[in-house]
Protein backbone atom coordinates (compact mmCIF):
# COMPACT_ATOMS: atom_id res chain seq x y z
CA UNK A 1 0.00 0.00 0.00
CA UNK A 2 2.73 2.50 0.90
CA UNK A 3 4.49 1.94 -2.41
CA UNK A 4 1.57 3.59 -4.20
CA UNK A 5 1.89 6.89 -2.32
CA UNK A 6 3.06 9.84 -4.36
CA UNK A 7 5.30 12.60 -2.99
CA UNK A 8 3.34 15.61 -1.81
CA UNK A 9 4.36 19.24 -2.27
CA UNK A 10 6.28 20.81 0.63
CA UNK A 11 4.19 22.15 3.50
CA UNK A 12 3.78 25.93 3.10
CA UNK A 13 3.98 26.62 6.84
CA UNK A 14 7.24 24.66 7.16
CA UNK A 15 8.62 26.59 4.18
CA UNK A 16 7.62 29.90 5.78
CA UNK A 17 9.30 28.93 9.08
CA UNK A 18 12.52 28.15 7.20
CA UNK A 19 12.35 31.44 5.27
CA UNK A 20 11.94 33.35 8.53
CA UNK A 21 14.78 31.46 10.21
CA UNK A 22 17.14 32.10 7.29
CA UNK A 23 16.29 35.82 6.91
CA UNK A 24 19.12 37.85 8.50
CA UNK A 25 17.10 41.08 8.88
CA UNK A 26 16.54 42.22 12.48
CA UNK A 27 13.20 43.87 11.63
CA UNK A 28 11.62 40.70 10.21
CA UNK A 29 8.18 39.56 11.40
CA UNK A 30 7.32 35.88 11.86
CA UNK A 31 3.95 35.25 10.19
CA UNK A 32 4.21 31.47 10.12
CA UNK A 33 3.14 30.10 13.47
CA UNK A 34 1.10 32.85 15.05
CA UNK A 35 2.86 32.88 18.42
CA UNK A 36 3.40 36.25 20.09
CA UNK A 37 6.87 36.84 21.51
CA UNK A 38 7.94 39.90 23.45
CA UNK A 39 11.20 41.84 22.95
CA UNK A 40 13.05 39.30 25.12
CA UNK A 41 11.87 36.41 22.94
CA UNK A 42 9.51 35.09 25.61
CA UNK A 43 5.95 33.95 24.91
CA UNK A 44 3.95 35.39 27.81
CA UNK A 45 0.60 33.97 28.88
CA UNK A 46 -1.89 36.81 28.46
CA UNK A 47 -4.21 37.74 31.33
CA UNK A 48 -7.29 36.83 29.29
CA UNK A 49 -5.89 33.33 28.68
CA UNK A 50 -5.12 32.85 32.38
CA UNK A 51 -8.66 33.97 33.26
CA UNK A 52 -10.15 31.55 30.71
CA UNK A 53 -8.00 28.70 32.04
CA UNK A 54 -9.13 29.43 35.60
CA UNK A 55 -12.76 29.41 34.47
CA UNK A 56 -12.25 26.07 32.72
CA UNK A 57 -10.66 24.56 35.84
CA UNK A 58 -13.76 25.51 37.81
CA UNK A 59 -16.35 24.33 35.27
CA UNK A 60 -14.79 21.70 33.01
CA UNK A 61 -15.97 18.12 33.49
CA UNK A 62 -14.20 16.51 30.52
CA UNK A 63 -11.33 16.96 28.07
CA UNK A 64 -13.37 15.48 25.23
CA UNK A 65 -13.79 17.44 22.03
CA UNK A 66 -17.21 18.21 20.64
CA UNK A 67 -17.75 16.18 17.45
PDB file of N, CA and C in Angstrom:
ATOM      1  N   UNK A   1       0.824  -1.183   0.000  1.00  0.00           N
ATOM      2  CA  UNK A   1       0.000   0.000   0.000  1.00  0.00           C
ATOM      3  C   UNK A   1       0.872   1.251   0.000  1.00  0.00           C
ATOM      4  N   UNK A   2       1.902   1.312   0.819  1.00  0.00           N
ATOM      5  CA  UNK A   2       2.726   2.504   0.904  1.00  0.00           C
ATOM      6  C   UNK A   2       3.516   2.760  -0.366  1.00  0.00           C
ATOM      7  N   UNK A   3       3.740   1.752  -1.168  1.00  0.00           N
ATOM      8  CA  UNK A   3       4.489   1.937  -2.411  1.00  0.00           C
ATOM      9  C   UNK A   3       3.708   2.739  -3.430  1.00  0.00           C
ATOM     10  N   UNK A   4       2.401   2.846  -3.263  1.00  0.00           N
ATOM     11  CA  UNK A   4       1.568   3.593  -4.204  1.00  0.00           C
ATOM     12  C   UNK A   4       1.433   5.072  -3.850  1.00  0.00           C
ATOM     13  N   UNK A   5       1.985   5.487  -2.717  1.00  0.00           N
ATOM     14  CA  UNK A   5       1.894   6.886  -2.319  1.00  0.00           C
ATOM     15  C   UNK A   5       2.775   7.748  -3.206  1.00  0.00           C
ATOM     16  N   UNK A   6       2.277   8.916  -3.541  1.00  0.00           N
ATOM     17  CA  UNK A   6       3.062   9.843  -4.363  1.00  0.00           C
ATOM     18  C   UNK A   6       3.580  10.971  -3.478  1.00  0.00           C
ATOM     19  N   UNK A   7       4.766  11.486  -3.779  1.00  0.00           N
ATOM     20  CA  UNK A   7       5.304  12.595  -2.989  1.00  0.00           C
ATOM     21  C   UNK A   7       4.364  13.801  -3.043  1.00  0.00           C
ATOM     22  N   UNK A   8       4.199  14.438  -1.921  1.00  0.00           N
ATOM     23  CA  UNK A   8       3.336  15.607  -1.812  1.00  0.00           C
ATOM     24  C   UNK A   8       4.181  16.874  -1.861  1.00  0.00           C
ATOM     25  N   UNK A   9       3.589  18.000  -2.253  1.00  0.00           N
ATOM     26  CA  UNK A   9       4.358  19.245  -2.266  1.00  0.00           C
ATOM     27  C   UNK A   9       4.762  19.630  -0.849  1.00  0.00           C
ATOM     28  N   UNK A  10       5.840  20.391  -0.717  1.00  0.00           N
ATOM     29  CA  UNK A  10       6.284  20.806   0.626  1.00  0.00           C
ATOM     30  C   UNK A  10       5.199  21.587   1.352  1.00  0.00           C
ATOM     31  N   UNK A  11       5.147  21.433   2.667  1.00  0.00           N
ATOM     32  CA  UNK A  11       4.189  22.148   3.502  1.00  0.00           C
ATOM     33  C   UNK A  11       4.526  23.630   3.515  1.00  0.00           C
ATOM     34  N   UNK A  12       3.555  24.482   3.210  1.00  0.00           N
ATOM     35  CA  UNK A  12       3.782  25.930   3.102  1.00  0.00           C
ATOM     36  C   UNK A  12       4.187  26.548   4.440  1.00  0.00           C
ATOM     37  N   UNK A  13       3.622  26.067   5.532  1.00  0.00           N
ATOM     38  CA  UNK A  13       3.979  26.616   6.839  1.00  0.00           C
ATOM     39  C   UNK A  13       5.428  26.289   7.173  1.00  0.00           C
ATOM     40  N   UNK A  14       5.847  25.052   6.900  1.00  0.00           N
ATOM     41  CA  UNK A  14       7.240  24.658   7.158  1.00  0.00           C
ATOM     42  C   UNK A  14       8.181  25.490   6.298  1.00  0.00           C
ATOM     43  N   UNK A  15       7.801  25.735   5.049  1.00  0.00           N
ATOM     44  CA  UNK A  15       8.622  26.586   4.179  1.00  0.00           C
ATOM     45  C   UNK A  15       8.728  28.001   4.747  1.00  0.00           C
ATOM     46  N   UNK A  16       7.616  28.542   5.240  1.00  0.00           N
ATOM     47  CA  UNK A  16       7.623  29.898   5.779  1.00  0.00           C
ATOM     48  C   UNK A  16       8.496  29.989   7.034  1.00  0.00           C
ATOM     49  N   UNK A  17       8.454  28.964   7.878  1.00  0.00           N
ATOM     50  CA  UNK A  17       9.298  28.934   9.075  1.00  0.00           C
ATOM     51  C   UNK A  17      10.768  28.964   8.671  1.00  0.00           C
ATOM     52  N   UNK A  18      11.132  28.183   7.657  1.00  0.00           N
ATOM     53  CA  UNK A  18      12.524  28.155   7.199  1.00  0.00           C
ATOM     54  C   UNK A  18      12.932  29.501   6.604  1.00  0.00           C
ATOM     55  N   UNK A  19      12.048  30.123   5.835  1.00  0.00           N
ATOM     56  CA  UNK A  19      12.350  31.442   5.266  1.00  0.00           C
ATOM     57  C   UNK A  19      12.597  32.460   6.375  1.00  0.00           C
ATOM     58  N   UNK A  20      11.765  32.428   7.400  1.00  0.00           N
ATOM     59  CA  UNK A  20      11.944  33.349   8.527  1.00  0.00           C
ATOM     60  C   UNK A  20      13.271  33.083   9.232  1.00  0.00           C
ATOM     61  N   UNK A  21      13.547  31.827   9.512  1.00  0.00           N
ATOM     62  CA  UNK A  21      14.783  31.459  10.209  1.00  0.00           C
ATOM     63  C   UNK A  21      16.021  31.913   9.438  1.00  0.00           C
ATOM     64  N   UNK A  22      15.977  31.800   8.116  1.00  0.00           N
ATOM     65  CA  UNK A  22      17.141  32.103   7.286  1.00  0.00           C
ATOM     66  C   UNK A  22      17.268  33.579   6.927  1.00  0.00           C
ATOM     67  N   UNK A  23      16.256  34.385   7.226  1.00  0.00           N
ATOM     68  CA  UNK A  23      16.287  35.816   6.908  1.00  0.00           C
ATOM     69  C   UNK A  23      17.140  36.543   7.947  1.00  0.00           C
ATOM     70  N   UNK A  24      18.218  37.212   7.533  1.00  0.00           N
ATOM     71  CA  UNK A  24      19.119  37.849   8.499  1.00  0.00           C
ATOM     72  C   UNK A  24      18.624  39.198   9.029  1.00  0.00           C
ATOM     73  N   UNK A  25      17.555  39.746   8.483  1.00  0.00           N
ATOM     74  CA  UNK A  25      17.103  41.083   8.884  1.00  0.00           C
ATOM     75  C   UNK A  25      16.558  41.089  10.312  1.00  0.00           C
ATOM     76  N   UNK A  26      16.992  42.101  11.086  1.00  0.00           N
ATOM     77  CA  UNK A  26      16.542  42.216  12.477  1.00  0.00           C
ATOM     78  C   UNK A  26      15.080  42.635  12.575  1.00  0.00           C
ATOM     79  N   UNK A  27      14.573  43.352  11.577  1.00  0.00           N
ATOM     80  CA  UNK A  27      13.202  43.872  11.634  1.00  0.00           C
ATOM     81  C   UNK A  27      12.161  42.915  11.036  1.00  0.00           C
ATOM     82  N   UNK A  28      12.553  41.665  10.802  1.00  0.00           N
ATOM     83  CA  UNK A  28      11.624  40.702  10.213  1.00  0.00           C
ATOM     84  C   UNK A  28      10.480  40.384  11.179  1.00  0.00           C
ATOM     85  N   UNK A  29       9.354  39.920  10.622  1.00  0.00           N
ATOM     86  CA  UNK A  29       8.176  39.559  11.404  1.00  0.00           C
ATOM     87  C   UNK A  29       7.807  38.125  11.055  1.00  0.00           C
ATOM     88  N   UNK A  30       7.677  37.281  12.063  1.00  0.00           N
ATOM     89  CA  UNK A  30       7.321  35.883  11.858  1.00  0.00           C
ATOM     90  C   UNK A  30       5.815  35.767  11.680  1.00  0.00           C
ATOM     91  N   UNK A  31       5.377  35.408  10.474  1.00  0.00           N
ATOM     92  CA  UNK A  31       3.952  35.253  10.186  1.00  0.00           C
ATOM     93  C   UNK A  31       3.555  33.787  10.063  1.00  0.00           C
ATOM     94  N   UNK A  32       4.466  32.879  10.370  1.00  0.00           N
ATOM     95  CA  UNK A  32       4.215  31.466  10.121  1.00  0.00           C
ATOM     96  C   UNK A  32       3.428  30.743  11.172  1.00  0.00           C
ATOM     97  N   UNK A  33       3.727  30.936  12.431  1.00  0.00           N
ATOM     98  CA  UNK A  33       3.144  30.099  13.467  1.00  0.00           C
ATOM     99  C   UNK A  33       2.056  30.814  14.248  1.00  0.00           C
ATOM    100  N   UNK A  34       2.110  32.107  14.329  1.00  0.00           N
ATOM    101  CA  UNK A  34       1.095  32.855  15.049  1.00  0.00           C
ATOM    102  C   UNK A  34       1.303  32.877  16.544  1.00  0.00           C
ATOM    103  N   UNK A  35       2.540  32.838  17.000  1.00  0.00           N
ATOM    104  CA  UNK A  35       2.856  32.883  18.418  1.00  0.00           C
ATOM    105  C   UNK A  35       3.453  34.241  18.729  1.00  0.00           C
ATOM    106  N   UNK A  36       2.880  34.946  19.695  1.00  0.00           N
ATOM    107  CA  UNK A  36       3.397  36.252  20.086  1.00  0.00           C
ATOM    108  C   UNK A  36       4.622  36.068  20.969  1.00  0.00           C
ATOM    109  N   UNK A  37       5.677  36.815  20.668  1.00  0.00           N
ATOM    110  CA  UNK A  37       6.870  36.845  21.511  1.00  0.00           C
ATOM    111  C   UNK A  37       7.186  38.292  21.831  1.00  0.00           C
ATOM    112  N   UNK A  38       7.588  38.539  23.064  1.00  0.00           N
ATOM    113  CA  UNK A  38       7.942  39.901  23.453  1.00  0.00           C
ATOM    114  C   UNK A  38       9.373  40.215  23.016  1.00  0.00           C
ATOM    115  N   UNK A  39       9.870  41.402  23.371  1.00  0.00           N
ATOM    116  CA  UNK A  39      11.199  41.838  22.945  1.00  0.00           C
ATOM    117  C   UNK A  39      12.302  40.922  23.469  1.00  0.00           C
ATOM    118  N   UNK A  40      12.053  40.218  24.557  1.00  0.00           N
ATOM    119  CA  UNK A  40      13.046  39.302  25.123  1.00  0.00           C
ATOM    120  C   UNK A  40      12.955  37.906  24.505  1.00  0.00           C
ATOM    121  N   UNK A  41      12.036  37.711  23.568  1.00  0.00           N
ATOM    122  CA  UNK A  41      11.871  36.407  22.935  1.00  0.00           C
ATOM    123  C   UNK A  41      11.010  35.441  23.724  1.00  0.00           C
ATOM    124  N   UNK A  42      10.373  35.928  24.776  1.00  0.00           N
ATOM    125  CA  UNK A  42       9.512  35.089  25.611  1.00  0.00           C
ATOM    126  C   UNK A  42       8.087  35.098  25.046  1.00  0.00           C
ATOM    127  N   UNK A  43       7.345  34.035  25.311  1.00  0.00           N
ATOM    128  CA  UNK A  43       5.949  33.946  24.906  1.00  0.00           C
ATOM    129  C   UNK A  43       5.103  34.025  26.171  1.00  0.00           C
ATOM    130  N   UNK A  44       4.698  35.242  26.555  1.00  0.00           N
ATOM    131  CA  UNK A  44       3.952  35.393  27.808  1.00  0.00           C
ATOM    132  C   UNK A  44       2.536  34.829  27.687  1.00  0.00           C
ATOM    133  N   UNK A  45       1.993  34.396  28.823  1.00  0.00           N
ATOM    134  CA  UNK A  45       0.597  33.973  28.876  1.00  0.00           C
ATOM    135  C   UNK A  45      -0.220  35.221  29.196  1.00  0.00           C
ATOM    136  N   UNK A  46      -1.106  35.581  28.291  1.00  0.00           N
ATOM    137  CA  UNK A  46      -1.890  36.807  28.456  1.00  0.00           C
ATOM    138  C   UNK A  46      -2.920  36.652  29.572  1.00  0.00           C
ATOM    139  N   UNK A  47      -3.257  37.765  30.208  1.00  0.00           N
ATOM    140  CA  UNK A  47      -4.214  37.743  31.334  1.00  0.00           C
ATOM    141  C   UNK A  47      -5.536  37.098  30.934  1.00  0.00           C
ATOM    142  N   UNK A  48      -6.011  37.394  29.735  1.00  0.00           N
ATOM    143  CA  UNK A  48      -7.287  36.825  29.289  1.00  0.00           C
ATOM    144  C   UNK A  48      -7.212  35.299  29.195  1.00  0.00           C
ATOM    145  N   UNK A  49      -6.065  34.784  28.769  1.00  0.00           N
ATOM    146  CA  UNK A  49      -5.893  33.330  28.675  1.00  0.00           C
ATOM    147  C   UNK A  49      -5.869  32.716  30.072  1.00  0.00           C
ATOM    148  N   UNK A  50      -5.157  33.351  31.003  1.00  0.00           N
ATOM    149  CA  UNK A  50      -5.120  32.848  32.377  1.00  0.00           C
ATOM    150  C   UNK A  50      -6.521  32.840  32.996  1.00  0.00           C
ATOM    151  N   UNK A  51      -7.296  33.894  32.726  1.00  0.00           N
ATOM    152  CA  UNK A  51      -8.661  33.966  33.257  1.00  0.00           C
ATOM    153  C   UNK A  51      -9.524  32.854  32.661  1.00  0.00           C
ATOM    154  N   UNK A  52      -9.381  32.613  31.356  1.00  0.00           N
ATOM    155  CA  UNK A  52     -10.154  31.548  30.708  1.00  0.00           C
ATOM    156  C   UNK A  52      -9.755  30.181  31.259  1.00  0.00           C
ATOM    157  N   UNK A  53      -8.455  29.975  31.470  1.00  0.00           N
ATOM    158  CA  UNK A  53      -8.001  28.699  32.036  1.00  0.00           C
ATOM    159  C   UNK A  53      -8.557  28.490  33.441  1.00  0.00           C
ATOM    160  N   UNK A  54      -8.580  29.532  34.246  1.00  0.00           N
ATOM    161  CA  UNK A  54      -9.131  29.429  35.598  1.00  0.00           C
ATOM    162  C   UNK A  54     -10.613  29.074  35.546  1.00  0.00           C
ATOM    163  N   UNK A  55     -11.329  29.699  34.616  1.00  0.00           N
ATOM    164  CA  UNK A  55     -12.764  29.410  34.472  1.00  0.00           C
ATOM    165  C   UNK A  55     -12.968  27.953  34.064  1.00  0.00           C
ATOM    166  N   UNK A  56     -12.133  27.463  33.141  1.00  0.00           N
ATOM    167  CA  UNK A  56     -12.246  26.072  32.722  1.00  0.00           C
ATOM    168  C   UNK A  56     -11.974  25.118  33.885  1.00  0.00           C
ATOM    169  N   UNK A  57     -10.967  25.414  34.688  1.00  0.00           N
ATOM    170  CA  UNK A  57     -10.659  24.560  35.836  1.00  0.00           C
ATOM    171  C   UNK A  57     -11.842  24.439  36.776  1.00  0.00           C
ATOM    172  N   UNK A  58     -12.601  25.516  36.910  1.00  0.00           N
ATOM    173  CA  UNK A  58     -13.756  25.512  37.814  1.00  0.00           C
ATOM    174  C   UNK A  58     -14.968  24.799  37.222  1.00  0.00           C
ATOM    175  N   UNK A  59     -15.100  24.810  35.880  1.00  0.00           N
ATOM    176  CA  UNK A  59     -16.346  24.332  35.271  1.00  0.00           C
ATOM    177  C   UNK A  59     -16.193  23.097  34.388  1.00  0.00           C
ATOM    178  N   UNK A  60     -14.997  22.765  33.974  1.00  0.00           N
ATOM    179  CA  UNK A  60     -14.794  21.703  33.005  1.00  0.00           C
ATOM    180  C   UNK A  60     -14.956  20.325  33.642  1.00  0.00           C
ATOM    181  N   UNK A  61     -15.749  19.477  32.992  1.00  0.00           N
ATOM    182  CA  UNK A  61     -15.967  18.119  33.486  1.00  0.00           C
ATOM    183  C   UNK A  61     -15.243  17.062  32.642  1.00  0.00           C
ATOM    184  N   UNK A  62     -14.786  17.463  31.433  1.00  0.00           N
ATOM    185  CA  UNK A  62     -14.199  16.511  30.523  1.00  0.00           C
ATOM    186  C   UNK A  62     -13.206  17.206  29.611  1.00  0.00           C
ATOM    187  N   UNK A  63     -12.256  16.454  29.074  1.00  0.00           N
ATOM    188  CA  UNK A  63     -11.332  16.961  28.071  1.00  0.00           C
ATOM    189  C   UNK A  63     -11.726  16.506  26.666  1.00  0.00           C
ATOM    190  N   UNK A  64     -12.904  15.944  26.524  1.00  0.00           N
ATOM    191  CA  UNK A  64     -13.372  15.480  25.228  1.00  0.00           C
ATOM    192  C   UNK A  64     -13.672  16.663  24.309  1.00  0.00           C
ATOM    193  N   UNK A  65     -13.445  16.438  23.026  1.00  0.00           N
ATOM    194  CA  UNK A  65     -13.791  17.442  22.031  1.00  0.00           C
ATOM    195  C   UNK A  65     -15.213  17.221  21.550  1.00  0.00           C
ATOM    196  N   UNK A  66     -15.870  18.307  21.207  1.00  0.00           N
ATOM    197  CA  UNK A  66     -17.213  18.209  20.641  1.00  0.00           C
ATOM    198  C   UNK A  66     -17.079  17.738  19.199  1.00  0.00           C
ATOM    199  N   UNK A  67     -17.829  16.720  18.819  1.00  0.00           N
ATOM    200  CA  UNK A  67     -17.753  16.182  17.452  1.00  0.00           C
ATOM    201  C   UNK A  67     -18.321  17.098  16.421  1.00  0.00           C
TER     202      UNK A  67
END
